Amino acid sequence: MISSAKSVVGKLTLVAVFMFGFGYLLVPLYEVFCDITGLRFTQDANEELVAQEIIEDTTRLVTVEFDASLNQSMPWEVKPAVTRMQVHPGRVYTTNYIAKNKTQSAMVGQAVPSITPFVANKHLVKTECFCFENQPIEAGQQVEMPLSFMVNPKLPKDVKVVTLSYTFFDITQSAEINNFDSNESVLAFN
């Protein structure tokens, strides 16, 4: 009986040590995950840019490509107003995406951004973006959705092309069930 109790205590001690170690490693593991995937769910990159003075680099041009795709269940038509722009790092540019609700009923959509190459993720700063809010569009309505962005001059010099892609999701049911207004994002990606 005593050896059985010692065995249980030993196993519980190992579990406790493992749990402590796992909790201790979560922050470094999250950092590695963010570096590998390019996803970061904090606003640190934008706050860092606000804190410093950005000087436009007129000696350099970067091509920014724009793309849009739809989730399988999204019956909209979405396209960028322009598919590519040549930009000087450090300068804010504005463009639009055009979305049309091709259904007979009002819908709410949410855009989730993706930036490639991954190294450019922290250097393409969106100052105004339709992806920050839900996009309610009436039946048959077409809208222009503004996007203002800047490429940080700290983007590595070997990166000549950056692609900004949006995937649009139908969140109509989630928005209705949760009673979100158009300024709240149902999805966690901004």
N, C-alpha and C. Protein backbone atom coordinates (compact mmCIF):
# COMPACT_ATOMS: atom_id res chain seq x y z
N MET A 1 0.82 -1.19 0.00
CA MET A 1 0.00 0.00 0.00
C MET A 1 0.87 1.26 0.00
N ILE A 2 1.95 1.23 0.79
CA ILE A 2 2.82 2.40 0.89
C ILE A 2 3.56 2.63 -0.42
N SER A 3 4.02 1.57 -1.07
CA SER A 3 4.72 1.73 -2.35
C SER A 3 3.77 2.27 -3.42
N SER A 4 2.51 1.88 -3.34
CA SER A 4 1.50 2.40 -4.27
C SER A 4 1.30 3.90 -4.06
N ALA A 5 1.25 4.34 -2.82
CA ALA A 5 1.08 5.76 -2.50
C ALA A 5 2.30 6.56 -2.95
N LYS A 6 3.52 5.99 -2.75
CA LYS A 6 4.73 6.65 -3.20
C LYS A 6 4.74 6.78 -4.72
N SER A 7 4.26 5.76 -5.42
CA SER A 7 4.19 5.79 -6.87
C SER A 7 3.26 6.89 -7.36
N VAL A 8 2.12 7.03 -6.71
CA VAL A 8 1.15 8.06 -7.08
C VAL A 8 1.73 9.45 -6.81
N VAL A 9 2.36 9.62 -5.64
CA VAL A 9 2.97 10.90 -5.29
C VAL A 9 4.08 11.24 -6.28
N GLY A 10 4.87 10.25 -6.65
CA GLY A 10 5.95 10.47 -7.63
C GLY A 10 5.40 10.91 -8.97
N LYS A 11 4.33 10.25 -9.43
CA LYS A 11 3.72 10.61 -10.72
C LYS A 11 3.10 12.00 -10.66
N LEU A 12 2.45 12.33 -9.56
CA LEU A 12 1.85 13.66 -9.41
C LEU A 12 2.93 14.74 -9.38
N THR A 13 4.07 14.44 -8.75
CA THR A 13 5.18 15.39 -8.72
C THR A 13 5.71 15.62 -10.13
N LEU A 14 5.86 14.56 -10.90
CA LEU A 14 6.33 14.70 -12.29
C LEU A 14 5.34 15.52 -13.11
N VAL A 15 4.06 15.29 -12.93
CA VAL A 15 3.04 16.06 -13.65
C VAL A 15 3.14 17.54 -13.28
N ALA A 16 3.30 17.83 -11.99
CA ALA A 16 3.40 19.22 -11.54
C ALA A 16 4.65 19.89 -12.12
N VAL A 17 5.79 19.18 -12.14
CA VAL A 17 7.02 19.73 -12.71
C VAL A 17 6.84 19.97 -14.21
N PHE A 18 6.23 19.02 -14.90
CA PHE A 18 5.97 19.17 -16.33
C PHE A 18 5.08 20.38 -16.59
N MET A 19 4.00 20.54 -15.83
CA MET A 19 3.08 21.66 -16.01
C MET A 19 3.79 23.00 -15.77
N PHE A 20 4.63 23.07 -14.74
CA PHE A 20 5.37 24.29 -14.47
C PHE A 20 6.31 24.60 -15.63
N GLY A 21 7.02 23.60 -16.10
CA GLY A 21 7.95 23.78 -17.22
C GLY A 21 7.23 24.22 -18.48
N PHE A 22 6.10 23.63 -18.76
CA PHE A 22 5.32 23.99 -19.94
C PHE A 22 4.85 25.45 -19.83
N GLY A 23 4.34 25.83 -18.68
CA GLY A 23 3.90 27.21 -18.46
C GLY A 23 5.05 28.19 -18.61
N TYR A 24 6.21 27.82 -18.12
CA TYR A 24 7.39 28.67 -18.20
C TYR A 24 7.82 28.86 -19.65
N LEU A 25 7.66 27.84 -20.49
CA LEU A 25 8.09 27.90 -21.88
C LEU A 25 7.05 28.49 -22.83
N LEU A 26 5.85 28.79 -22.37
CA LEU A 26 4.80 29.28 -23.27
C LEU A 26 5.19 30.58 -23.97
N VAL A 27 5.76 31.53 -23.27
CA VAL A 27 6.11 32.81 -23.89
C VAL A 27 7.17 32.61 -24.98
N PRO A 28 8.28 31.93 -24.72
CA PRO A 28 9.24 31.72 -25.81
C PRO A 28 8.65 30.91 -26.97
N LEU A 29 7.81 29.93 -26.67
CA LEU A 29 7.17 29.15 -27.73
C LEU A 29 6.26 30.03 -28.57
N TYR A 30 5.53 30.95 -27.93
CA TYR A 30 4.66 31.88 -28.65
C TYR A 30 5.49 32.77 -29.58
N GLU A 31 6.63 33.26 -29.09
CA GLU A 31 7.50 34.10 -29.92
C GLU A 31 7.99 33.33 -31.14
N VAL A 32 8.40 32.07 -30.96
CA VAL A 32 8.85 31.24 -32.09
C VAL A 32 7.70 31.03 -33.06
N PHE A 33 6.51 30.73 -32.55
CA PHE A 33 5.33 30.55 -33.40
C PHE A 33 5.07 31.81 -34.23
N CYS A 34 5.13 32.98 -33.59
CA CYS A 34 4.87 34.25 -34.30
C CYS A 34 5.93 34.49 -35.37
N ASP A 35 7.20 34.20 -35.07
CA ASP A 35 8.26 34.40 -36.05
C ASP A 35 8.11 33.47 -37.24
N ILE A 36 7.71 32.23 -36.99
CA ILE A 36 7.56 31.25 -38.07
C ILE A 36 6.36 31.56 -38.95
N THR A 37 5.22 31.85 -38.33
CA THR A 37 3.98 32.03 -39.10
C THR A 37 3.75 33.46 -39.57
N GLY A 38 4.40 34.42 -38.94
CA GLY A 38 4.15 35.82 -39.28
C GLY A 38 2.92 36.37 -38.60
N LEU A 39 2.25 35.58 -37.80
CA LEU A 39 1.06 36.03 -37.07
C LEU A 39 1.48 36.59 -35.73
N ARG A 40 0.92 37.72 -35.36
CA ARG A 40 1.18 38.29 -34.05
C ARG A 40 -0.10 38.98 -33.63
N PHE A 41 -0.62 38.59 -32.50
CA PHE A 41 -1.92 39.07 -32.06
C PHE A 41 -1.81 40.20 -31.05
N THR A 42 -0.78 41.02 -31.20
CA THR A 42 -0.62 42.21 -30.36
C THR A 42 -0.41 43.40 -31.27
N GLN A 43 -0.45 44.56 -30.72
CA GLN A 43 -0.28 45.78 -31.51
C GLN A 43 1.14 46.33 -31.38
N ASP A 44 2.09 45.55 -30.87
CA ASP A 44 3.44 46.04 -30.62
C ASP A 44 4.09 46.67 -31.85
N ALA A 45 3.93 46.04 -33.02
CA ALA A 45 4.57 46.55 -34.23
C ALA A 45 4.07 47.96 -34.55
N ASN A 46 2.77 48.20 -34.45
CA ASN A 46 2.22 49.52 -34.74
C ASN A 46 2.63 50.53 -33.69
N GLU A 47 2.63 50.15 -32.41
CA GLU A 47 3.02 51.06 -31.35
C GLU A 47 4.48 51.47 -31.50
N GLU A 48 5.31 50.55 -31.94
CA GLU A 48 6.72 50.85 -32.13
C GLU A 48 6.88 51.91 -33.22
N LEU A 49 6.07 51.83 -34.28
CA LEU A 49 6.16 52.80 -35.36
C LEU A 49 5.68 54.18 -34.92
N VAL A 50 4.68 54.25 -34.08
CA VAL A 50 4.17 55.53 -33.61
C VAL A 50 5.22 56.24 -32.76
N ALA A 51 5.99 55.47 -32.03
CA ALA A 51 6.95 56.04 -31.10
C ALA A 51 8.18 56.62 -31.80
N GLN A 52 8.40 56.30 -33.05
CA GLN A 52 9.57 56.80 -33.74
C GLN A 52 9.16 57.64 -34.95
N GLU A 53 10.04 58.51 -35.36
CA GLU A 53 9.78 59.32 -36.54
C GLU A 53 10.14 58.50 -37.77
N ILE A 54 9.22 58.42 -38.70
CA ILE A 54 9.44 57.66 -39.93
C ILE A 54 9.86 58.62 -41.03
N ILE A 55 10.96 58.33 -41.68
CA ILE A 55 11.45 59.16 -42.77
C ILE A 55 11.29 58.38 -44.07
N GLU A 56 10.63 59.00 -45.03
CA GLU A 56 10.40 58.37 -46.32
C GLU A 56 11.72 58.10 -47.03
N ASP A 57 11.85 56.90 -47.56
CA ASP A 57 13.04 56.50 -48.32
C ASP A 57 12.73 56.65 -49.80
N THR A 58 13.06 57.81 -50.37
CA THR A 58 12.76 58.08 -51.78
C THR A 58 13.74 57.42 -52.73
N THR A 59 14.78 56.79 -52.19
CA THR A 59 15.77 56.13 -53.04
C THR A 59 15.38 54.69 -53.35
N ARG A 60 14.28 54.25 -52.78
CA ARG A 60 13.92 52.83 -52.89
C ARG A 60 12.45 52.68 -53.24
N LEU A 61 12.14 51.70 -54.10
CA LEU A 61 10.76 51.37 -54.42
C LEU A 61 10.50 49.90 -54.06
N VAL A 62 9.34 49.66 -53.47
CA VAL A 62 8.89 48.31 -53.15
C VAL A 62 7.56 48.11 -53.86
N THR A 63 7.38 46.97 -54.48
CA THR A 63 6.12 46.65 -55.13
C THR A 63 5.21 45.98 -54.10
N VAL A 64 4.03 46.54 -53.91
CA VAL A 64 3.03 45.93 -53.04
C VAL A 64 1.93 45.39 -53.93
N GLU A 65 1.71 44.08 -53.84
CA GLU A 65 0.66 43.41 -54.62
C GLU A 65 -0.55 43.20 -53.72
N PHE A 66 -1.75 43.31 -54.29
CA PHE A 66 -3.00 43.14 -53.55
C PHE A 66 -3.77 41.98 -54.13
N ASP A 67 -4.38 41.21 -53.23
CA ASP A 67 -5.11 40.01 -53.64
C ASP A 67 -6.31 39.84 -52.73
N ALA A 68 -7.32 39.15 -53.22
CA ALA A 68 -8.49 38.84 -52.40
C ALA A 68 -8.99 37.45 -52.74
N SER A 69 -9.42 36.74 -51.72
CA SER A 69 -10.04 35.42 -51.94
C SER A 69 -11.23 35.30 -51.01
N LEU A 70 -12.08 34.36 -51.32
CA LEU A 70 -13.31 34.16 -50.55
C LEU A 70 -13.31 32.79 -49.91
N ASN A 71 -13.78 32.74 -48.68
CA ASN A 71 -14.03 31.45 -48.04
C ASN A 71 -15.10 30.76 -48.87
N GLN A 72 -15.12 29.44 -48.85
CA GLN A 72 -16.06 28.66 -49.68
C GLN A 72 -17.51 29.14 -49.57
N SER A 73 -17.92 29.52 -48.38
CA SER A 73 -19.32 29.87 -48.17
C SER A 73 -19.60 31.36 -48.38
N MET A 74 -18.67 32.08 -48.94
CA MET A 74 -18.83 33.53 -49.09
C MET A 74 -19.29 33.88 -50.50
N PRO A 75 -20.56 34.25 -50.67
CA PRO A 75 -21.09 34.53 -52.02
C PRO A 75 -20.93 36.00 -52.44
N TRP A 76 -19.80 36.58 -52.15
CA TRP A 76 -19.52 37.95 -52.56
C TRP A 76 -18.54 37.94 -53.72
N GLU A 77 -18.42 39.08 -54.33
CA GLU A 77 -17.37 39.32 -55.31
C GLU A 77 -16.47 40.38 -54.69
N VAL A 78 -15.19 40.10 -54.53
CA VAL A 78 -14.26 41.04 -53.91
C VAL A 78 -13.01 41.10 -54.76
N LYS A 79 -12.56 42.34 -55.00
CA LYS A 79 -11.31 42.51 -55.76
C LYS A 79 -10.66 43.82 -55.35
N PRO A 80 -9.34 43.88 -55.47
CA PRO A 80 -8.66 45.14 -55.18
C PRO A 80 -8.88 46.12 -56.34
N ALA A 81 -8.94 47.41 -56.03
CA ALA A 81 -9.10 48.43 -57.07
C ALA A 81 -7.88 48.44 -57.99
N VAL A 82 -6.70 48.21 -57.41
CA VAL A 82 -5.47 48.05 -58.18
C VAL A 82 -4.80 46.77 -57.68
N THR A 83 -4.12 46.08 -58.55
CA THR A 83 -3.50 44.81 -58.14
C THR A 83 -2.05 44.99 -57.67
N ARG A 84 -1.45 46.13 -57.98
CA ARG A 84 -0.08 46.38 -57.51
C ARG A 84 0.22 47.87 -57.51
N MET A 85 1.09 48.25 -56.59
CA MET A 85 1.54 49.64 -56.47
C MET A 85 3.04 49.64 -56.19
N GLN A 86 3.72 50.63 -56.75
CA GLN A 86 5.12 50.87 -56.42
C GLN A 86 5.13 51.94 -55.35
N VAL A 87 5.73 51.65 -54.19
CA VAL A 87 5.68 52.57 -53.06
C VAL A 87 7.08 52.85 -52.52
N HIS A 88 7.22 54.05 -51.96
CA HIS A 88 8.44 54.40 -51.24
C HIS A 88 8.22 54.03 -49.77
N PRO A 89 9.12 53.27 -49.18
CA PRO A 89 8.99 52.97 -47.74
C PRO A 89 8.96 54.27 -46.93
N GLY A 90 8.08 54.29 -45.93
CA GLY A 90 7.96 55.45 -45.06
C GLY A 90 6.86 56.42 -45.45
N ARG A 91 6.22 56.19 -46.57
CA ARG A 91 5.13 57.06 -47.03
C ARG A 91 3.81 56.30 -46.95
N VAL A 92 2.74 56.99 -46.53
CA VAL A 92 1.43 56.37 -46.42
C VAL A 92 0.72 56.44 -47.77
N TYR A 93 0.18 55.31 -48.20
CA TYR A 93 -0.56 55.22 -49.47
C TYR A 93 -1.97 54.75 -49.17
N THR A 94 -2.90 55.09 -50.06
CA THR A 94 -4.29 54.68 -49.90
C THR A 94 -4.78 54.04 -51.19
N THR A 95 -5.53 52.97 -51.03
CA THR A 95 -6.18 52.30 -52.14
C THR A 95 -7.51 51.76 -51.63
N ASN A 96 -8.23 51.04 -52.46
CA ASN A 96 -9.53 50.48 -52.08
C ASN A 96 -9.65 49.03 -52.53
N TYR A 97 -10.48 48.32 -51.84
CA TYR A 97 -10.98 47.03 -52.30
C TYR A 97 -12.46 47.24 -52.61
N ILE A 98 -12.97 46.53 -53.59
CA ILE A 98 -14.37 46.66 -53.99
C ILE A 98 -15.05 45.34 -53.68
N ALA A 99 -16.16 45.42 -52.95
CA ALA A 99 -16.91 44.21 -52.58
C ALA A 99 -18.36 44.36 -53.04
N LYS A 100 -18.91 43.26 -53.54
CA LYS A 100 -20.31 43.25 -53.94
C LYS A 100 -20.99 42.03 -53.33
N ASN A 101 -22.10 42.28 -52.66
CA ASN A 101 -22.92 41.21 -52.10
C ASN A 101 -23.82 40.71 -53.23
N LYS A 102 -23.58 39.52 -53.72
CA LYS A 102 -24.33 38.98 -54.86
C LYS A 102 -25.59 38.22 -54.44
N THR A 103 -25.97 38.32 -53.17
CA THR A 103 -27.13 37.58 -52.69
C THR A 103 -28.35 38.49 -52.62
N GLN A 104 -29.48 37.91 -52.25
CA GLN A 104 -30.74 38.64 -52.10
C GLN A 104 -30.99 39.07 -50.65
N SER A 105 -29.99 38.94 -49.79
CA SER A 105 -30.18 39.34 -48.40
C SER A 105 -28.91 40.02 -47.88
N ALA A 106 -29.10 40.84 -46.86
CA ALA A 106 -27.96 41.54 -46.25
C ALA A 106 -27.02 40.52 -45.61
N MET A 107 -25.74 40.82 -45.66
CA MET A 107 -24.73 39.94 -45.09
C MET A 107 -23.68 40.76 -44.36
N VAL A 108 -22.95 40.08 -43.47
CA VAL A 108 -21.82 40.69 -42.78
C VAL A 108 -20.59 39.85 -43.10
N GLY A 109 -19.55 40.53 -43.54
CA GLY A 109 -18.31 39.84 -43.87
C GLY A 109 -17.18 40.34 -43.00
N GLN A 110 -16.14 39.54 -42.91
CA GLN A 110 -14.93 39.93 -42.17
C GLN A 110 -13.74 39.52 -43.02
N ALA A 111 -12.80 40.44 -43.17
CA ALA A 111 -11.58 40.18 -43.94
C ALA A 111 -10.44 39.84 -42.99
N VAL A 112 -9.71 38.79 -43.32
CA VAL A 112 -8.55 38.38 -42.54
C VAL A 112 -7.31 38.56 -43.43
N PRO A 113 -6.37 39.43 -43.00
CA PRO A 113 -5.21 39.72 -43.83
C PRO A 113 -4.12 38.66 -43.72
N SER A 114 -3.32 38.59 -44.77
CA SER A 114 -2.14 37.74 -44.81
C SER A 114 -1.08 38.50 -45.60
N ILE A 115 0.13 38.51 -45.08
CA ILE A 115 1.21 39.25 -45.73
C ILE A 115 2.37 38.30 -46.00
N THR A 116 2.86 38.34 -47.23
CA THR A 116 4.04 37.55 -47.59
C THR A 116 5.04 38.44 -48.30
N PRO A 117 6.32 38.14 -48.17
CA PRO A 117 6.92 37.09 -47.37
C PRO A 117 6.76 37.39 -45.88
N PHE A 118 6.92 36.37 -45.07
CA PHE A 118 6.69 36.50 -43.63
C PHE A 118 7.51 37.62 -43.00
N VAL A 119 8.73 37.82 -43.49
CA VAL A 119 9.58 38.86 -42.93
C VAL A 119 8.95 40.24 -43.10
N ALA A 120 8.08 40.41 -44.09
CA ALA A 120 7.42 41.70 -44.34
C ALA A 120 6.24 41.94 -43.43
N ASN A 121 5.79 40.91 -42.73
CA ASN A 121 4.59 41.03 -41.90
C ASN A 121 4.68 42.17 -40.89
N LYS A 122 5.81 42.32 -40.25
CA LYS A 122 5.93 43.38 -39.24
C LYS A 122 6.33 44.71 -39.85
N HIS A 123 6.54 44.76 -41.16
CA HIS A 123 6.96 46.00 -41.81
C HIS A 123 5.86 46.63 -42.67
N LEU A 124 4.77 45.94 -42.92
CA LEU A 124 3.65 46.52 -43.65
C LEU A 124 2.63 46.94 -42.60
N VAL A 125 2.46 48.23 -42.43
CA VAL A 125 1.61 48.76 -41.38
C VAL A 125 0.34 49.31 -42.00
N LYS A 126 -0.80 48.78 -41.55
CA LYS A 126 -2.09 49.26 -42.04
C LYS A 126 -2.58 50.33 -41.05
N THR A 127 -2.71 51.58 -41.54
CA THR A 127 -3.17 52.66 -40.66
C THR A 127 -4.69 52.78 -40.69
N GLU A 128 -5.31 52.39 -41.79
CA GLU A 128 -6.76 52.32 -41.91
C GLU A 128 -7.06 51.09 -42.76
N CYS A 129 -7.96 50.26 -42.27
CA CYS A 129 -8.23 49.03 -43.01
C CYS A 129 -9.63 48.52 -42.73
N PHE A 130 -10.29 48.09 -43.78
CA PHE A 130 -11.62 47.48 -43.65
C PHE A 130 -11.55 46.20 -42.83
N CYS A 131 -10.36 45.63 -42.68
CA CYS A 131 -10.21 44.40 -41.91
C CYS A 131 -10.30 44.66 -40.40
N PHE A 132 -10.26 45.94 -40.00
CA PHE A 132 -10.38 46.27 -38.58
C PHE A 132 -11.83 46.16 -38.10
N GLU A 133 -12.79 46.13 -39.02
CA GLU A 133 -14.22 46.10 -38.66
C GLU A 133 -14.96 45.09 -39.52
N ASN A 134 -16.11 44.67 -39.02
CA ASN A 134 -17.02 43.85 -39.82
C ASN A 134 -17.52 44.70 -40.98
N GLN A 135 -17.87 44.05 -42.07
CA GLN A 135 -18.35 44.75 -43.25
C GLN A 135 -19.78 44.33 -43.58
N PRO A 136 -20.79 45.08 -43.08
CA PRO A 136 -22.18 44.76 -43.44
C PRO A 136 -22.49 45.33 -44.83
N ILE A 137 -23.02 44.49 -45.71
CA ILE A 137 -23.37 44.93 -47.06
C ILE A 137 -24.77 44.44 -47.37
N GLU A 138 -25.60 45.35 -47.83
CA GLU A 138 -26.99 45.03 -48.18
C GLU A 138 -27.03 44.16 -49.43
N ALA A 139 -28.17 43.53 -49.67
CA ALA A 139 -28.38 42.67 -50.83
C ALA A 139 -28.10 43.44 -52.12
N GLY A 140 -27.25 42.89 -52.96
CA GLY A 140 -26.94 43.49 -54.25
C GLY A 140 -26.07 44.74 -54.18
N GLN A 141 -25.71 45.20 -53.01
CA GLN A 141 -24.94 46.43 -52.86
C GLN A 141 -23.47 46.21 -53.16
N GLN A 142 -22.84 47.24 -53.77
CA GLN A 142 -21.40 47.24 -54.00
C GLN A 142 -20.80 48.39 -53.21
N VAL A 143 -19.70 48.13 -52.52
CA VAL A 143 -19.06 49.16 -51.70
C VAL A 143 -17.56 49.20 -51.98
N GLU A 144 -16.99 50.38 -51.73
CA GLU A 144 -15.55 50.54 -51.76
C GLU A 144 -15.06 50.54 -50.32
N MET A 145 -14.05 49.74 -50.05
CA MET A 145 -13.51 49.63 -48.70
C MET A 145 -12.08 50.18 -48.70
N PRO A 146 -11.83 51.26 -47.95
CA PRO A 146 -10.52 51.90 -47.98
C PRO A 146 -9.43 51.13 -47.22
N LEU A 147 -8.23 51.28 -47.71
CA LEU A 147 -7.04 50.70 -47.10
C LEU A 147 -5.93 51.73 -47.18
N SER A 148 -5.40 52.15 -46.04
CA SER A 148 -4.23 53.02 -46.00
C SER A 148 -3.11 52.23 -45.33
N PHE A 149 -1.93 52.29 -45.92
CA PHE A 149 -0.83 51.48 -45.43
C PHE A 149 0.50 52.18 -45.67
N MET A 150 1.52 51.65 -45.03
CA MET A 150 2.88 52.14 -45.20
C MET A 150 3.83 50.95 -45.06
N VAL A 151 4.85 50.94 -45.87
CA VAL A 151 5.93 49.97 -45.71
C VAL A 151 7.00 50.65 -44.87
N ASN A 152 7.35 50.02 -43.76
CA ASN A 152 8.37 50.56 -42.87
C ASN A 152 9.72 50.55 -43.60
N PRO A 153 10.48 51.66 -43.53
CA PRO A 153 11.80 51.69 -44.17
C PRO A 153 12.76 50.62 -43.65
N LYS A 154 12.45 50.01 -42.51
CA LYS A 154 13.30 48.96 -41.96
C LYS A 154 13.08 47.61 -42.65
N LEU A 155 12.16 47.55 -43.63
CA LEU A 155 11.98 46.32 -44.41
C LEU A 155 13.33 45.95 -45.02
N PRO A 156 13.76 44.69 -44.87
CA PRO A 156 15.06 44.30 -45.43
C PRO A 156 15.18 44.68 -46.91
N LYS A 157 16.35 45.17 -47.29
CA LYS A 157 16.59 45.68 -48.65
C LYS A 157 16.38 44.61 -49.72
N ASP A 158 16.57 43.34 -49.37
CA ASP A 158 16.42 42.29 -50.38
C ASP A 158 14.95 41.96 -50.68
N VAL A 159 14.02 42.50 -49.91
CA VAL A 159 12.59 42.27 -50.18
C VAL A 159 12.12 43.35 -51.14
N LYS A 160 11.79 42.93 -52.35
CA LYS A 160 11.38 43.87 -53.40
C LYS A 160 9.88 43.85 -53.62
N VAL A 161 9.22 42.72 -53.26
CA VAL A 161 7.78 42.57 -53.48
C VAL A 161 7.13 42.07 -52.20
N VAL A 162 6.04 42.74 -51.81
CA VAL A 162 5.25 42.35 -50.65
C VAL A 162 3.83 42.11 -51.14
N THR A 163 3.23 41.00 -50.74
CA THR A 163 1.86 40.70 -51.14
C THR A 163 0.95 40.80 -49.93
N LEU A 164 -0.10 41.60 -50.07
CA LEU A 164 -1.13 41.75 -49.04
C LEU A 164 -2.38 41.09 -49.58
N SER A 165 -2.78 40.02 -48.93
CA SER A 165 -3.93 39.24 -49.38
C SER A 165 -4.98 39.22 -48.29
N TYR A 166 -6.24 39.27 -48.68
CA TYR A 166 -7.35 39.18 -47.73
C TYR A 166 -8.23 38.01 -48.10
N THR A 167 -8.62 37.25 -47.08
CA THR A 167 -9.62 36.21 -47.24
C THR A 167 -10.88 36.70 -46.54
N PHE A 168 -12.00 36.66 -47.24
CA PHE A 168 -13.26 37.15 -46.69
C PHE A 168 -14.12 35.99 -46.22
N PHE A 169 -14.69 36.16 -45.02
CA PHE A 169 -15.51 35.14 -44.39
C PHE A 169 -16.92 35.68 -44.16
N ASP A 170 -17.90 34.82 -44.31
CA ASP A 170 -19.29 35.16 -44.00
C ASP A 170 -19.48 34.98 -42.51
N ILE A 171 -19.72 36.09 -41.81
CA ILE A 171 -19.93 36.03 -40.36
C ILE A 171 -21.33 36.51 -40.00
N THR A 172 -22.24 36.47 -40.96
CA THR A 172 -23.59 36.99 -40.74
C THR A 172 -24.24 36.33 -39.53
N GLN A 173 -24.21 35.01 -39.47
CA GLN A 173 -24.85 34.31 -38.34
C GLN A 173 -24.19 34.67 -37.02
N SER A 174 -22.86 34.69 -36.97
CA SER A 174 -22.16 35.03 -35.74
C SER A 174 -22.49 36.44 -35.30
N ALA A 175 -22.56 37.37 -36.25
CA ALA A 175 -22.86 38.76 -35.91
C ALA A 175 -24.28 38.88 -35.37
N GLU A 176 -25.23 38.12 -35.96
CA GLU A 176 -26.62 38.17 -35.49
C GLU A 176 -26.77 37.50 -34.12
N ILE A 177 -26.17 36.33 -33.96
CA ILE A 177 -26.27 35.59 -32.70
C ILE A 177 -25.65 36.38 -31.55
N ASN A 178 -24.48 36.95 -31.79
CA ASN A 178 -23.77 37.67 -30.74
C ASN A 178 -24.16 39.14 -30.67
N ASN A 179 -25.02 39.56 -31.58
CA ASN A 179 -25.52 40.94 -31.62
C ASN A 179 -24.39 41.95 -31.67
N PHE A 180 -23.36 41.66 -32.49
CA PHE A 180 -22.25 42.59 -32.65
C PHE A 180 -22.69 43.73 -33.54
N ASP A 181 -22.15 44.92 -33.30
CA ASP A 181 -22.42 45.99 -34.24
C ASP A 181 -21.30 45.99 -35.28
N SER A 182 -21.41 46.82 -36.29
CA SER A 182 -20.47 46.77 -37.41
C SER A 182 -19.06 47.21 -37.02
N ASN A 183 -18.88 47.82 -35.87
CA ASN A 183 -17.54 48.25 -35.47
C ASN A 183 -16.80 47.21 -34.65
N GLU A 184 -17.43 46.08 -34.34
CA GLU A 184 -16.76 45.04 -33.57
C GLU A 184 -16.37 43.90 -34.48
N SER A 185 -15.19 43.38 -34.28
CA SER A 185 -14.73 42.26 -35.07
C SER A 185 -15.09 40.95 -34.40
N VAL A 186 -15.74 40.08 -35.15
CA VAL A 186 -16.07 38.76 -34.61
C VAL A 186 -14.82 37.88 -34.60
N LEU A 187 -13.96 38.06 -35.61
CA LEU A 187 -12.74 37.28 -35.68
C LEU A 187 -11.64 38.01 -34.93
N ALA A 188 -10.66 37.26 -34.46
CA ALA A 188 -9.60 37.82 -33.62
C ALA A 188 -8.45 38.41 -34.43
N PHE A 189 -8.47 38.28 -35.76
CA PHE A 189 -7.34 38.72 -36.56
C PHE A 189 -7.56 40.13 -37.04
N ASN A 190 -6.70 41.01 -36.67
CA ASN A 190 -6.72 42.39 -37.17
C ASN A 190 -5.37 42.69 -37.66
